[in-house]
Amino acid sequence: MIPGLNPKELEKAMKKLGIKQQSIEAYEVIIKTKDKELIIKDPQIVKMNAMGQESLQITGKIEERALGVSEDDVKTVIEQAKVDYNKAKKALEENKGDLAKTILELQEKD
């Protein structure tokens, strides 16, 4: 929360403003983006409701994890570049999941 501020006093002040808050116990929070996951271990989570609008405040140590290539992308590369599964997957991983680049590279090698 806010350094140097008593959590109970902050909760009272927020309640006067019509902001309700509730702690949520969790051991991990995962936020998935297109190309990676953000993992927050042992998070401190506060759910707030202000005038019907809900929001979450999450604090903790954040770790990033890159996502692997999807099976759908591997299948697409197999079909388009006419290669086997292992070759398609390896090429996708080397190109960091760039589908178009992978297909073009494999087609040029033939």
PDB file of N, CA and C in Angstrom:
ATOM      1  N   MET A   1       0.841  -1.184   0.000  1.00  0.00           N
ATOM      2  CA  MET A   1       0.000   0.000   0.000  1.00  0.00           C
ATOM      3  C   MET A   1       0.885   1.245   0.000  1.00  0.00           C
ATOM      4  N   ILE A   2       0.532   2.233   0.795  1.00  0.00           N
ATOM      5  CA  ILE A   2       1.277   3.489   0.828  1.00  0.00           C
ATOM      6  C   ILE A   2       2.226   3.443   2.020  1.00  0.00           C
ATOM      7  N   PRO A   3       3.551   3.612   1.788  1.00  0.00           N
ATOM      8  CA  PRO A   3       4.515   3.538   2.883  1.00  0.00           C
ATOM      9  C   PRO A   3       4.235   4.572   3.979  1.00  0.00           C
ATOM     10  N   GLY A   4       4.405   4.161   5.231  1.00  0.00           N
ATOM     11  CA  GLY A   4       4.246   5.064   6.362  1.00  0.00           C
ATOM     12  C   GLY A   4       2.802   5.341   6.756  1.00  0.00           C
ATOM     13  N   LEU A   5       1.846   4.696   6.098  1.00  0.00           N
ATOM     14  CA  LEU A   5       0.436   4.923   6.408  1.00  0.00           C
ATOM     15  C   LEU A   5      -0.132   3.665   7.050  1.00  0.00           C
ATOM     16  N   ASN A   6      -0.793   3.850   8.169  1.00  0.00           N
ATOM     17  CA  ASN A   6      -1.412   2.746   8.879  1.00  0.00           C
ATOM     18  C   ASN A   6      -2.513   2.138   8.005  1.00  0.00           C
ATOM     19  N   PRO A   7      -2.442   0.843   7.714  1.00  0.00           N
ATOM     20  CA  PRO A   7      -3.449   0.207   6.864  1.00  0.00           C
ATOM     21  C   PRO A   7      -4.881   0.367   7.376  1.00  0.00           C
ATOM     22  N   LYS A   8      -5.066   0.332   8.701  1.00  0.00           N
ATOM     23  CA  LYS A   8      -6.415   0.492   9.273  1.00  0.00           C
ATOM     24  C   LYS A   8      -6.952   1.905   9.032  1.00  0.00           C
ATOM     25  N   GLU A   9      -6.080   2.911   9.174  1.00  0.00           N
ATOM     26  CA  GLU A   9      -6.486   4.298   8.920  1.00  0.00           C
ATOM     27  C   GLU A   9      -6.827   4.497   7.441  1.00  0.00           C
ATOM     28  N   LEU A  10      -6.035   3.891   6.582  1.00  0.00           N
ATOM     29  CA  LEU A  10      -6.298   3.984   5.148  1.00  0.00           C
ATOM     30  C   LEU A  10      -7.633   3.337   4.811  1.00  0.00           C
ATOM     31  N   GLU A  11      -7.901   2.189   5.412  1.00  0.00           N
ATOM     32  CA  GLU A  11      -9.169   1.500   5.172  1.00  0.00           C
ATOM     33  C   GLU A  11     -10.349   2.352   5.624  1.00  0.00           C
ATOM     34  N   LYS A  12     -10.236   3.019   6.786  1.00  0.00           N
ATOM     35  CA  LYS A  12     -11.300   3.901   7.276  1.00  0.00           C
ATOM     36  C   LYS A  12     -11.521   5.071   6.325  1.00  0.00           C
ATOM     37  N   ALA A  13     -10.432   5.691   5.864  1.00  0.00           N
ATOM     38  CA  ALA A  13     -10.530   6.833   4.951  1.00  0.00           C
ATOM     39  C   ALA A  13     -11.188   6.409   3.640  1.00  0.00           C
ATOM     40  N   MET A  14     -10.822   5.251   3.134  1.00  0.00           N
ATOM     41  CA  MET A  14     -11.398   4.766   1.881  1.00  0.00           C
ATOM     42  C   MET A  14     -12.877   4.450   2.046  1.00  0.00           C
ATOM     43  N   LYS A  15     -13.230   3.914   3.214  1.00  0.00           N
ATOM     44  CA  LYS A  15     -14.630   3.585   3.486  1.00  0.00           C
ATOM     45  C   LYS A  15     -15.487   4.857   3.491  1.00  0.00           C
ATOM     46  N   LYS A  16     -14.933   5.964   4.052  1.00  0.00           N
ATOM     47  CA  LYS A  16     -15.642   7.248   4.059  1.00  0.00           C
ATOM     48  C   LYS A  16     -15.877   7.758   2.639  1.00  0.00           C
ATOM     49  N   LEU A  17     -14.957   7.425   1.732  1.00  0.00           N
ATOM     50  CA  LEU A  17     -15.080   7.841   0.332  1.00  0.00           C
ATOM     51  C   LEU A  17     -15.952   6.883  -0.479  1.00  0.00           C
ATOM     52  N   GLY A  18     -16.488   5.871   0.173  1.00  0.00           N
ATOM     53  CA  GLY A  18     -17.343   4.909  -0.519  1.00  0.00           C
ATOM     54  C   GLY A  18     -16.569   3.827  -1.249  1.00  0.00           C
ATOM     55  N   ILE A  19     -15.321   3.645  -0.874  1.00  0.00           N
ATOM     56  CA  ILE A  19     -14.488   2.628  -1.513  1.00  0.00           C
ATOM     57  C   ILE A  19     -14.370   1.437  -0.566  1.00  0.00           C
ATOM     58  N   LYS A  20     -14.874   0.303  -1.028  1.00  0.00           N
ATOM     59  CA  LYS A  20     -14.789  -0.917  -0.231  1.00  0.00           C
ATOM     60  C   LYS A  20     -13.583  -1.709  -0.703  1.00  0.00           C
ATOM     61  N   GLN A  21     -12.879  -2.311   0.260  1.00  0.00           N
ATOM     62  CA  GLN A  21     -11.747  -3.143  -0.126  1.00  0.00           C
ATOM     63  C   GLN A  21     -11.779  -4.462   0.625  1.00  0.00           C
ATOM     64  N   GLN A  22     -11.221  -5.463  -0.027  1.00  0.00           N
ATOM     65  CA  GLN A  22     -11.222  -6.803   0.530  1.00  0.00           C
ATOM     66  C   GLN A  22      -9.906  -7.478   0.133  1.00  0.00           C
ATOM     67  N   SER A  23      -9.267  -8.127   1.077  1.00  0.00           N
ATOM     68  CA  SER A  23      -8.048  -8.882   0.774  1.00  0.00           C
ATOM     69  C   SER A  23      -8.422 -10.212   0.151  1.00  0.00           C
ATOM     70  N   ILE A  24      -7.635 -10.633  -0.812  1.00  0.00           N
ATOM     71  CA  ILE A  24      -7.842 -11.930  -1.448  1.00  0.00           C
ATOM     72  C   ILE A  24      -6.582 -12.750  -1.214  1.00  0.00           C
ATOM     73  N   GLU A  25      -6.760 -13.938  -0.670  1.00  0.00           N
ATOM     74  CA  GLU A  25      -5.612 -14.804  -0.424  1.00  0.00           C
ATOM     75  C   GLU A  25      -5.357 -15.644  -1.666  1.00  0.00           C
ATOM     76  N   ALA A  26      -4.115 -15.635  -2.134  1.00  0.00           N
ATOM     77  CA  ALA A  26      -3.713 -16.426  -3.293  1.00  0.00           C
ATOM     78  C   ALA A  26      -2.244 -16.783  -3.143  1.00  0.00           C
ATOM     79  N   TYR A  27      -1.830 -17.853  -3.783  1.00  0.00           N
ATOM     80  CA  TYR A  27      -0.424 -18.225  -3.725  1.00  0.00           C
ATOM     81  C   TYR A  27       0.308 -17.853  -5.010  1.00  0.00           C
ATOM     82  N   GLU A  28      -0.470 -17.543  -6.091  1.00  0.00           N
ATOM     83  CA  GLU A  28       0.163 -17.194  -7.358  1.00  0.00           C
ATOM     84  C   GLU A  28      -0.843 -16.473  -8.244  1.00  0.00           C
ATOM     85  N   VAL A  29      -0.353 -15.479  -8.987  1.00  0.00           N
ATOM     86  CA  VAL A  29      -1.159 -14.793  -9.987  1.00  0.00           C
ATOM     87  C   VAL A  29      -0.411 -14.904 -11.301  1.00  0.00           C
ATOM     88  N   ILE A  30      -1.133 -15.280 -12.374  1.00  0.00           N
ATOM     89  CA  ILE A  30      -0.523 -15.385 -13.694  1.00  0.00           C
ATOM     90  C   ILE A  30      -1.258 -14.445 -14.641  1.00  0.00           C
ATOM     91  N   ILE A  31      -0.489 -13.563 -15.278  1.00  0.00           N
ATOM     92  CA  ILE A  31      -1.040 -12.664 -16.284  1.00  0.00           C
ATOM     93  C   ILE A  31      -0.453 -13.108 -17.616  1.00  0.00           C
ATOM     94  N   LYS A  32      -1.337 -13.479 -18.541  1.00  0.00           N
ATOM     95  CA  LYS A  32      -0.883 -13.976 -19.835  1.00  0.00           C
ATOM     96  C   LYS A  32      -1.006 -12.880 -20.886  1.00  0.00           C
ATOM     97  N   THR A  33       0.109 -12.635 -21.579  1.00  0.00           N
ATOM     98  CA  THR A  33       0.106 -11.717 -22.709  1.00  0.00           C
ATOM     99  C   THR A  33       0.318 -12.553 -23.963  1.00  0.00           C
ATOM    100  N   LYS A  34       0.410 -11.902 -25.096  1.00  0.00           N
ATOM    101  CA  LYS A  34       0.556 -12.624 -26.350  1.00  0.00           C
ATOM    102  C   LYS A  34       1.827 -13.461 -26.397  1.00  0.00           C
ATOM    103  N   ASP A  35       2.922 -12.941 -25.857  1.00  0.00           N
ATOM    104  CA  ASP A  35       4.194 -13.627 -26.009  1.00  0.00           C
ATOM    105  C   ASP A  35       4.873 -14.050 -24.711  1.00  0.00           C
ATOM    106  N   LYS A  36       4.240 -13.767 -23.568  1.00  0.00           N
ATOM    107  CA  LYS A  36       4.869 -14.169 -22.306  1.00  0.00           C
ATOM    108  C   LYS A  36       3.828 -14.242 -21.194  1.00  0.00           C
ATOM    109  N   GLU A  37       4.261 -14.783 -20.077  1.00  0.00           N
ATOM    110  CA  GLU A  37       3.441 -14.820 -18.876  1.00  0.00           C
ATOM    111  C   GLU A  37       4.176 -14.080 -17.769  1.00  0.00           C
ATOM    112  N   LEU A  38       3.427 -13.336 -16.977  1.00  0.00           N
ATOM    113  CA  LEU A  38       3.974 -12.684 -15.794  1.00  0.00           C
ATOM    114  C   LEU A  38       3.455 -13.471 -14.595  1.00  0.00           C
ATOM    115  N   ILE A  39       4.362 -13.997 -13.800  1.00  0.00           N
ATOM    116  CA  ILE A  39       3.983 -14.810 -12.652  1.00  0.00           C
ATOM    117  C   ILE A  39       4.345 -14.057 -11.385  1.00  0.00           C
ATOM    118  N   ILE A  40       3.366 -13.890 -10.507  1.00  0.00           N
ATOM    119  CA  ILE A  40       3.583 -13.215  -9.235  1.00  0.00           C
ATOM    120  C   ILE A  40       3.359 -14.249  -8.141  1.00  0.00           C
ATOM    121  N   LYS A  41       4.452 -14.639  -7.484  1.00  0.00           N
ATOM    122  CA  LYS A  41       4.405 -15.646  -6.419  1.00  0.00           C
ATOM    123  C   LYS A  41       4.114 -14.961  -5.084  1.00  0.00           C
ATOM    124  N   ASP A  42       3.360 -15.631  -4.230  1.00  0.00           N
ATOM    125  CA  ASP A  42       2.974 -15.109  -2.913  1.00  0.00           C
ATOM    126  C   ASP A  42       2.513 -13.654  -2.994  1.00  0.00           C
ATOM    127  N   PRO A  43       1.522 -13.377  -3.831  1.00  0.00           N
ATOM    128  CA  PRO A  43       1.072 -11.991  -4.014  1.00  0.00           C
ATOM    129  C   PRO A  43       0.246 -11.481  -2.840  1.00  0.00           C
ATOM    130  N   GLN A  44       0.227 -10.171  -2.712  1.00  0.00           N
ATOM    131  CA  GLN A  44      -0.696  -9.497  -1.794  1.00  0.00           C
ATOM    132  C   GLN A  44      -1.725  -8.843  -2.712  1.00  0.00           C
ATOM    133  N   ILE A  45      -2.980  -9.247  -2.550  1.00  0.00           N
ATOM    134  CA  ILE A  45      -4.033  -8.785  -3.458  1.00  0.00           C
ATOM    135  C   ILE A  45      -5.116  -8.071  -2.663  1.00  0.00           C
ATOM    136  N   VAL A  46      -5.487  -6.896  -3.144  1.00  0.00           N
ATOM    137  CA  VAL A  46      -6.584  -6.149  -2.551  1.00  0.00           C
ATOM    138  C   VAL A  46      -7.592  -5.865  -3.656  1.00  0.00           C
ATOM    139  N   LYS A  47      -8.836  -6.284  -3.431  1.00  0.00           N
ATOM    140  CA  LYS A  47      -9.927  -6.028  -4.369  1.00  0.00           C
ATOM    141  C   LYS A  47     -10.659  -4.793  -3.872  1.00  0.00           C
ATOM    142  N   MET A  48     -10.817  -3.795  -4.750  1.00  0.00           N
ATOM    143  CA  MET A  48     -11.489  -2.549  -4.364  1.00  0.00           C
ATOM    144  C   MET A  48     -12.729  -2.335  -5.226  1.00  0.00           C
ATOM    145  N   ASN A  49     -13.743  -1.771  -4.602  1.00  0.00           N
ATOM    146  CA  ASN A  49     -14.964  -1.429  -5.307  1.00  0.00           C
ATOM    147  C   ASN A  49     -15.265   0.033  -5.016  1.00  0.00           C
ATOM    148  N   ALA A  50     -15.169   0.850  -6.047  1.00  0.00           N
ATOM    149  CA  ALA A  50     -15.460   2.277  -5.920  1.00  0.00           C
ATOM    150  C   ALA A  50     -16.563   2.630  -6.909  1.00  0.00           C
ATOM    151  N   MET A  51     -17.719   2.983  -6.376  1.00  0.00           N
ATOM    152  CA  MET A  51     -18.871   3.362  -7.190  1.00  0.00           C
ATOM    153  C   MET A  51     -19.208   2.302  -8.237  1.00  0.00           C
ATOM    154  N   GLY A  52     -19.157   1.027  -7.839  1.00  0.00           N
ATOM    155  CA  GLY A  52     -19.524  -0.066  -8.728  1.00  0.00           C
ATOM    156  C   GLY A  52     -18.413  -0.532  -9.656  1.00  0.00           C
ATOM    157  N   GLN A  53     -17.295   0.164  -9.658  1.00  0.00           N
ATOM    158  CA  GLN A  53     -16.154  -0.216 -10.499  1.00  0.00           C
ATOM    159  C   GLN A  53     -15.179  -1.036  -9.671  1.00  0.00           C
ATOM    160  N   GLU A  54     -14.958  -2.294 -10.052  1.00  0.00           N
ATOM    161  CA  GLU A  54     -14.039  -3.158  -9.309  1.00  0.00           C
ATOM    162  C   GLU A  54     -12.641  -3.112  -9.914  1.00  0.00           C
ATOM    163  N   SER A  55     -11.653  -3.138  -9.038  1.00  0.00           N
ATOM    164  CA  SER A  55     -10.265  -3.200  -9.489  1.00  0.00           C
ATOM    165  C   SER A  55      -9.458  -4.023  -8.498  1.00  0.00           C
ATOM    166  N   LEU A  56      -8.318  -4.503  -8.967  1.00  0.00           N
ATOM    167  CA  LEU A  56      -7.425  -5.295  -8.132  1.00  0.00           C
ATOM    168  C   LEU A  56      -6.079  -4.605  -8.042  1.00  0.00           C
ATOM    169  N   GLN A  57      -5.521  -4.610  -6.856  1.00  0.00           N
ATOM    170  CA  GLN A  57      -4.153  -4.132  -6.657  1.00  0.00           C
ATOM    171  C   GLN A  57      -3.341  -5.354  -6.264  1.00  0.00           C
ATOM    172  N   ILE A  58      -2.319  -5.665  -7.074  1.00  0.00           N
ATOM    173  CA  ILE A  58      -1.505  -6.854  -6.846  1.00  0.00           C
ATOM    174  C   ILE A  58      -0.060  -6.417  -6.661  1.00  0.00           C
ATOM    175  N   THR A  59       0.533  -6.838  -5.551  1.00  0.00           N
ATOM    176  CA  THR A  59       1.948  -6.546  -5.316  1.00  0.00           C
ATOM    177  C   THR A  59       2.674  -7.853  -5.038  1.00  0.00           C
ATOM    178  N   GLY A  60       3.937  -7.890  -5.388  1.00  0.00           N
ATOM    179  CA  GLY A  60       4.749  -9.071  -5.167  1.00  0.00           C
ATOM    180  C   GLY A  60       5.888  -9.116  -6.162  1.00  0.00           C
ATOM    181  N   LYS A  61       6.692 -10.151  -6.070  1.00  0.00           N
ATOM    182  CA  LYS A  61       7.826 -10.314  -6.975  1.00  0.00           C
ATOM    183  C   LYS A  61       7.334 -10.896  -8.292  1.00  0.00           C
ATOM    184  N   ILE A  62       7.675 -10.228  -9.393  1.00  0.00           N
ATOM    185  CA  ILE A  62       7.208 -10.636 -10.712  1.00  0.00           C
ATOM    186  C   ILE A  62       8.314 -11.379 -11.455  1.00  0.00           C
ATOM    187  N   GLU A  63       7.957 -12.534 -11.999  1.00  0.00           N
ATOM    188  CA  GLU A  63       8.857 -13.307 -12.855  1.00  0.00           C
ATOM    189  C   GLU A  63       8.233 -13.364 -14.248  1.00  0.00           C
ATOM    190  N   GLU A  64       9.075 -13.332 -15.281  1.00  0.00           N
ATOM    191  CA  GLU A  64       8.587 -13.455 -16.650  1.00  0.00           C
ATOM    192  C   GLU A  64       8.922 -14.842 -17.172  1.00  0.00           C
ATOM    193  N   ARG A  65       7.976 -15.392 -17.939  1.00  0.00           N
ATOM    194  CA  ARG A  65       8.203 -16.690 -18.560  1.00  0.00           C
ATOM    195  C   ARG A  65       7.761 -16.585 -20.018  1.00  0.00           C
ATOM    196  N   ALA A  66       8.681 -16.891 -20.912  1.00  0.00           N
ATOM    197  CA  ALA A  66       8.339 -16.856 -22.343  1.00  0.00           C
ATOM    198  C   ALA A  66       7.445 -18.045 -22.665  1.00  0.00           C
ATOM    199  N   LEU A  67       6.513 -17.828 -23.544  1.00  0.00           N
ATOM    200  CA  LEU A  67       5.619 -18.898 -23.956  1.00  0.00           C
ATOM    201  C   LEU A  67       6.260 -19.705 -25.075  1.00  0.00           C
ATOM    202  N   GLY A  68       6.004 -20.988 -25.088  1.00  0.00           N
ATOM    203  CA  GLY A  68       6.480 -21.839 -26.172  1.00  0.00           C
ATOM    204  C   GLY A  68       5.623 -21.625 -27.410  1.00  0.00           C
ATOM    205  N   VAL A  69       5.978 -22.278 -28.466  1.00  0.00           N
ATOM    206  CA  VAL A  69       5.210 -22.142 -29.700  1.00  0.00           C
ATOM    207  C   VAL A  69       3.932 -22.963 -29.586  1.00  0.00           C
ATOM    208  N   SER A  70       2.879 -22.505 -30.217  1.00  0.00           N
ATOM    209  CA  SER A  70       1.598 -23.207 -30.120  1.00  0.00           C
ATOM    210  C   SER A  70       1.550 -24.376 -31.097  1.00  0.00           C
ATOM    211  N   GLU A  71       0.767 -25.359 -30.759  1.00  0.00           N
ATOM    212  CA  GLU A  71       0.601 -26.528 -31.628  1.00  0.00           C
ATOM    213  C   GLU A  71      -0.041 -26.129 -32.955  1.00  0.00           C
ATOM    214  N   ASP A  72      -0.950 -25.155 -32.919  1.00  0.00           N
ATOM    215  CA  ASP A  72      -1.582 -24.684 -34.154  1.00  0.00           C
ATOM    216  C   ASP A  72      -0.548 -24.088 -35.101  1.00  0.00           C
ATOM    217  N   ASP A  73       0.404 -23.333 -34.544  1.00  0.00           N
ATOM    218  CA  ASP A  73       1.458 -22.751 -35.381  1.00  0.00           C
ATOM    219  C   ASP A  73       2.350 -23.844 -35.974  1.00  0.00           C
ATOM    220  N   VAL A  74       2.652 -24.858 -35.182  1.00  0.00           N
ATOM    221  CA  VAL A  74       3.467 -25.964 -35.682  1.00  0.00           C
ATOM    222  C   VAL A  74       2.746 -26.653 -36.846  1.00  0.00           C
ATOM    223  N   LYS A  75       1.452 -26.906 -36.689  1.00  0.00           N
ATOM    224  CA  LYS A  75       0.659 -27.546 -37.749  1.00  0.00           C
ATOM    225  C   LYS A  75       0.653 -26.696 -39.019  1.00  0.00           C
ATOM    226  N   THR A  76       0.523 -25.383 -38.851  1.00  0.00           N
ATOM    227  CA  THR A  76       0.523 -24.483 -40.006  1.00  0.00           C
ATOM    228  C   THR A  76       1.848 -24.565 -40.753  1.00  0.00           C
ATOM    229  N   VAL A  77       2.952 -24.557 -40.010  1.00  0.00           N
ATOM    230  CA  VAL A  77       4.279 -24.653 -40.633  1.00  0.00           C
ATOM    231  C   VAL A  77       4.428 -25.988 -41.357  1.00  0.00           C
ATOM    232  N   ILE A  78       3.968 -27.076 -40.757  1.00  0.00           N
ATOM    233  CA  ILE A  78       4.040 -28.405 -41.383  1.00  0.00           C
ATOM    234  C   ILE A  78       3.313 -28.384 -42.723  1.00  0.00           C
ATOM    235  N   GLU A  79       2.101 -27.829 -42.730  1.00  0.00           N
ATOM    236  CA  GLU A  79       1.282 -27.785 -43.948  1.00  0.00           C
ATOM    237  C   GLU A  79       1.887 -26.877 -45.013  1.00  0.00           C
ATOM    238  N   GLN A  80       2.317 -25.693 -44.617  1.00  0.00           N
ATOM    239  CA  GLN A  80       2.794 -24.702 -45.575  1.00  0.00           C
ATOM    240  C   GLN A  80       4.195 -24.996 -46.101  1.00  0.00           C
ATOM    241  N   ALA A  81       5.080 -25.450 -45.224  1.00  0.00           N
ATOM    242  CA  ALA A  81       6.473 -25.658 -45.613  1.00  0.00           C
ATOM    243  C   ALA A  81       6.768 -27.109 -45.983  1.00  0.00           C
ATOM    244  N   LYS A  82       5.775 -27.991 -45.788  1.00  0.00           N
ATOM    245  CA  LYS A  82       5.928 -29.408 -46.123  1.00  0.00           C
ATOM    246  C   LYS A  82       7.129 -30.036 -45.415  1.00  0.00           C
ATOM    247  N   VAL A  83       7.176 -29.853 -44.086  1.00  0.00           N
ATOM    248  CA  VAL A  83       8.245 -30.425 -43.262  1.00  0.00           C
ATOM    249  C   VAL A  83       7.623 -31.262 -42.155  1.00  0.00           C
ATOM    250  N   ASP A  84       8.454 -32.041 -41.454  1.00  0.00           N
ATOM    251  CA  ASP A  84       7.936 -32.866 -40.366  1.00  0.00           C
ATOM    252  C   ASP A  84       7.772 -32.031 -39.084  1.00  0.00           C
ATOM    253  N   TYR A  85       7.164 -32.647 -38.096  1.00  0.00           N
ATOM    254  CA  TYR A  85       6.833 -31.959 -36.837  1.00  0.00           C
ATOM    255  C   TYR A  85       8.066 -31.381 -36.154  1.00  0.00           C
ATOM    256  N   ASN A  86       9.088 -32.195 -35.967  1.00  0.00           N
ATOM    257  CA  ASN A  86      10.280 -31.741 -35.235  1.00  0.00           C
ATOM    258  C   ASN A  86      10.969 -30.568 -35.923  1.00  0.00           C
ATOM    259  N   LYS A  87      11.071 -30.643 -37.244  1.00  0.00           N
ATOM    260  CA  LYS A  87      11.715 -29.560 -37.997  1.00  0.00           C
ATOM    261  C   LYS A  87      10.898 -28.276 -37.882  1.00  0.00           C
ATOM    262  N   ALA A  88       9.571 -28.407 -37.975  1.00  0.00           N
ATOM    263  CA  ALA A  88       8.685 -27.240 -37.870  1.00  0.00           C
ATOM    264  C   ALA A  88       8.790 -26.597 -36.495  1.00  0.00           C
ATOM    265  N   LYS A  89       8.743 -27.406 -35.454  1.00  0.00           N
ATOM    266  CA  LYS A  89       8.795 -26.877 -34.085  1.00  0.00           C
ATOM    267  C   LYS A  89      10.138 -26.217 -33.796  1.00  0.00           C
ATOM    268  N   LYS A  90      11.228 -26.881 -34.206  1.00  0.00           N
ATOM    269  CA  LYS A  90      12.560 -26.331 -33.966  1.00  0.00           C
ATOM    270  C   LYS A  90      12.724 -24.986 -34.680  1.00  0.00           C
ATOM    271  N   ALA A  91      12.285 -24.906 -35.923  1.00  0.00           N
ATOM    272  CA  ALA A  91      12.408 -23.662 -36.688  1.00  0.00           C
ATOM    273  C   ALA A  91      11.572 -22.542 -36.061  1.00  0.00           C
ATOM    274  N   LEU A  92      10.377 -22.870 -35.598  1.00  0.00           N
ATOM    275  CA  LEU A  92       9.529 -21.866 -34.926  1.00  0.00           C
ATOM    276  C   LEU A  92      10.191 -21.348 -33.660  1.00  0.00           C
ATOM    277  N   GLU A  93      10.765 -22.240 -32.889  1.00  0.00           N
ATOM    278  CA  GLU A  93      11.441 -21.831 -31.651  1.00  0.00           C
ATOM    279  C   GLU A  93      12.642 -20.940 -31.958  1.00  0.00           C
ATOM    280  N   GLU A  94      13.395 -21.295 -32.991  1.00  0.00           N
ATOM    281  CA  GLU A  94      14.560 -20.490 -33.379  1.00  0.00           C
ATOM    282  C   GLU A  94      14.148 -19.092 -33.845  1.00  0.00           C
ATOM    283  N   ASN A  95      12.953 -18.998 -34.440  1.00  0.00           N
ATOM    284  CA  ASN A  95      12.441 -17.707 -34.925  1.00  0.00           C
ATOM    285  C   ASN A  95      11.505 -17.042 -33.922  1.00  0.00           C
ATOM    286  N   LYS A  96      11.565 -17.500 -32.675  1.00  0.00           N
ATOM    287  CA  LYS A  96      10.771 -16.929 -31.573  1.00  0.00           C
ATOM    288  C   LYS A  96       9.276 -16.847 -31.904  1.00  0.00           C
ATOM    289  N   GLY A  97       8.779 -17.892 -32.580  1.00  0.00           N
ATOM    290  CA  GLY A  97       7.354 -17.981 -32.862  1.00  0.00           C
ATOM    291  C   GLY A  97       6.886 -17.197 -34.075  1.00  0.00           C
ATOM    292  N   ASP A  98       7.806 -16.580 -34.812  1.00  0.00           N
ATOM    293  CA  ASP A  98       7.436 -15.799 -36.004  1.00  0.00           C
ATOM    294  C   ASP A  98       7.042 -16.772 -37.114  1.00  0.00           C
ATOM    295  N   LEU A  99       5.731 -16.905 -37.318  1.00  0.00           N
ATOM    296  CA  LEU A  99       5.171 -17.880 -38.237  1.00  0.00           C
ATOM    297  C   LEU A  99       5.602 -17.626 -39.684  1.00  0.00           C
ATOM    298  N   ALA A 100       5.418 -16.401 -40.148  1.00  0.00           N
ATOM    299  CA  ALA A 100       5.735 -16.067 -41.545  1.00  0.00           C
ATOM    300  C   ALA A 100       7.222 -16.282 -41.841  1.00  0.00           C
ATOM    301  N   LYS A 101       8.071 -15.798 -40.965  1.00  0.00           N
ATOM    302  CA  LYS A 101       9.517 -15.936 -41.158  1.00  0.00           C
ATOM    303  C   LYS A 101       9.913 -17.408 -41.209  1.00  0.00           C
ATOM    304  N   THR A 102       9.340 -18.209 -40.331  1.00  0.00           N
ATOM    305  CA  THR A 102       9.654 -19.632 -40.279  1.00  0.00           C
ATOM    306  C   THR A 102       9.259 -20.333 -41.571  1.00  0.00           C
ATOM    307  N   ILE A 103       8.052 -20.074 -42.043  1.00  0.00           N
ATOM    308  CA  ILE A 103       7.580 -20.711 -43.279  1.00  0.00           C
ATOM    309  C   ILE A 103       8.457 -20.316 -44.456  1.00  0.00           C
ATOM    310  N   LEU A 104       8.751 -19.028 -44.568  1.00  0.00           N
ATOM    311  CA  LEU A 104       9.588 -18.561 -45.672  1.00  0.00           C
ATOM    312  C   LEU A 104      10.985 -19.193 -45.638  1.00  0.00           C
ATOM    313  N   GLU A 105      11.589 -19.249 -44.470  1.00  0.00           N
ATOM    314  CA  GLU A 105      12.917 -19.849 -44.335  1.00  0.00           C
ATOM    315  C   GLU A 105      12.904 -21.319 -44.763  1.00  0.00           C
ATOM    316  N   LEU A 106      11.920 -22.048 -44.307  1.00  0.00           N
ATOM    317  CA  LEU A 106      11.856 -23.477 -44.620  1.00  0.00           C
ATOM    318  C   LEU A 106      11.560 -23.715 -46.100  1.00  0.00           C
ATOM    319  N   GLN A 107      10.739 -22.856 -46.699  1.00  0.00           N
ATOM    320  CA  GLN A 107      10.422 -23.000 -48.125  1.00  0.00           C
ATOM    321  C   GLN A 107      11.651 -22.687 -48.982  1.00  0.00           C
ATOM    322  N   GLU A 108      12.478 -21.729 -48.537  1.00  0.00           N
ATOM    323  CA  GLU A 108      13.672 -21.358 -49.292  1.00  0.00           C
ATOM    324  C   GLU A 108      14.734 -22.451 -49.260  1.00  0.00           C
ATOM    325  N   LYS A 109      14.729 -23.279 -48.197  1.00  0.00           N
ATOM    326  CA  LYS A 109      15.713 -24.350 -48.072  1.00  0.00           C
ATOM    327  C   LYS A 109      15.428 -25.508 -49.035  1.00  0.00           C
ATOM    328  N   ASP A 110      14.209 -25.619 -49.506  1.00  0.00           N
ATOM    329  CA  ASP A 110      13.854 -26.715 -50.441  1.00  0.00           C
ATOM    330  C   ASP A 110      14.365 -26.494 -51.818  1.00  0.00           C
TER     331      ASP A 110
END
